[in-house]
């Protein structure tokens, strides 16, 4: 099941506002695209507990980098 960019926004909100220590965020092969990763960037950068993030194979373009 692919989650896509809409669910990525919900995950970002969860990471940012729930104060739950997430250490691993595995979102490989979920059709996030640039839009979905863009929604996750701030949450990922603000997290103090994340040690591993996998967003491989999500149809990302050089624009996302």
Protein backbone atom coordinates (compact mmCIF):
# COMPACT_ATOMS: atom_id res chain seq x y z
CA UNK A 1 0.00 0.00 0.00
CA UNK A 2 1.41 3.38 -1.00
CA UNK A 3 0.88 6.34 1.29
CA UNK A 4 1.65 9.27 -1.06
CA UNK A 5 2.14 12.97 -0.29
CA UNK A 6 -1.13 13.49 1.63
CA UNK A 7 -0.21 10.89 4.23
CA UNK A 8 3.33 12.31 4.34
CA UNK A 9 1.83 15.61 5.53
CA UNK A 10 -0.04 13.77 8.28
CA UNK A 11 3.11 11.93 9.35
CA UNK A 12 4.99 15.23 9.47
CA UNK A 13 2.29 16.73 11.69
CA UNK A 14 2.41 13.67 13.95
CA UNK A 15 6.20 13.93 14.34
CA UNK A 16 6.05 17.67 15.00
CA UNK A 17 3.14 17.93 17.41
CA UNK A 18 2.87 14.61 19.25
CA UNK A 19 6.14 14.78 21.20
CA UNK A 20 6.70 11.08 20.56
CA UNK A 21 10.28 9.93 20.18
CA UNK A 22 10.47 8.32 16.76
CA UNK A 23 13.89 6.86 16.07
CA UNK A 24 13.32 5.25 12.66
CA UNK A 25 11.13 6.54 9.87
CA UNK A 26 10.99 4.00 7.04
CA UNK A 27 8.99 5.32 4.09
CA UNK A 28 10.73 3.56 1.20
CA UNK A 29 8.65 2.78 -1.91
CA UNK A 30 5.63 4.88 -0.96
CA UNK A 31 5.18 7.19 -3.95
CA UNK A 32 5.90 10.27 -1.82
CA UNK A 33 7.35 12.24 -4.69
CA UNK A 34 8.94 15.65 -4.20
CA UNK A 35 5.71 17.03 -2.71
CA UNK A 36 5.55 14.41 0.03
CA UNK A 37 9.21 14.74 0.99
CA UNK A 38 8.84 18.52 1.04
CA UNK A 39 6.10 18.11 3.64
CA UNK A 40 8.37 15.91 5.78
CA UNK A 41 11.54 18.03 5.68
CA UNK A 42 10.71 20.44 8.55
CA UNK A 43 9.47 17.68 10.83
CA UNK A 44 12.56 15.59 10.15
CA UNK A 45 14.90 18.52 10.79
CA UNK A 46 13.11 19.43 14.05
CA UNK A 47 13.10 15.90 15.46
CA UNK A 48 15.68 15.27 18.16
CA UNK A 49 15.13 11.52 18.23
CA UNK A 50 15.32 10.42 14.58
CA UNK A 51 18.46 8.47 13.79
CA UNK A 52 17.35 6.79 10.55
CA UNK A 53 15.17 8.07 7.71
CA UNK A 54 14.62 5.97 4.59
CA UNK A 55 12.85 7.74 1.72
CA UNK A 56 14.44 5.67 -1.03
CA UNK A 57 12.57 4.72 -4.18
CA UNK A 58 9.91 7.44 -3.95
CA UNK A 59 10.11 8.94 -7.46
CA UNK A 60 12.19 11.88 -6.26
CA UNK A 61 13.72 14.34 -8.72
CA UNK A 62 16.87 16.48 -8.42
CA UNK A 63 14.54 19.34 -7.42
CA UNK A 64 13.89 17.53 -4.15
CA UNK A 65 17.59 17.53 -3.24
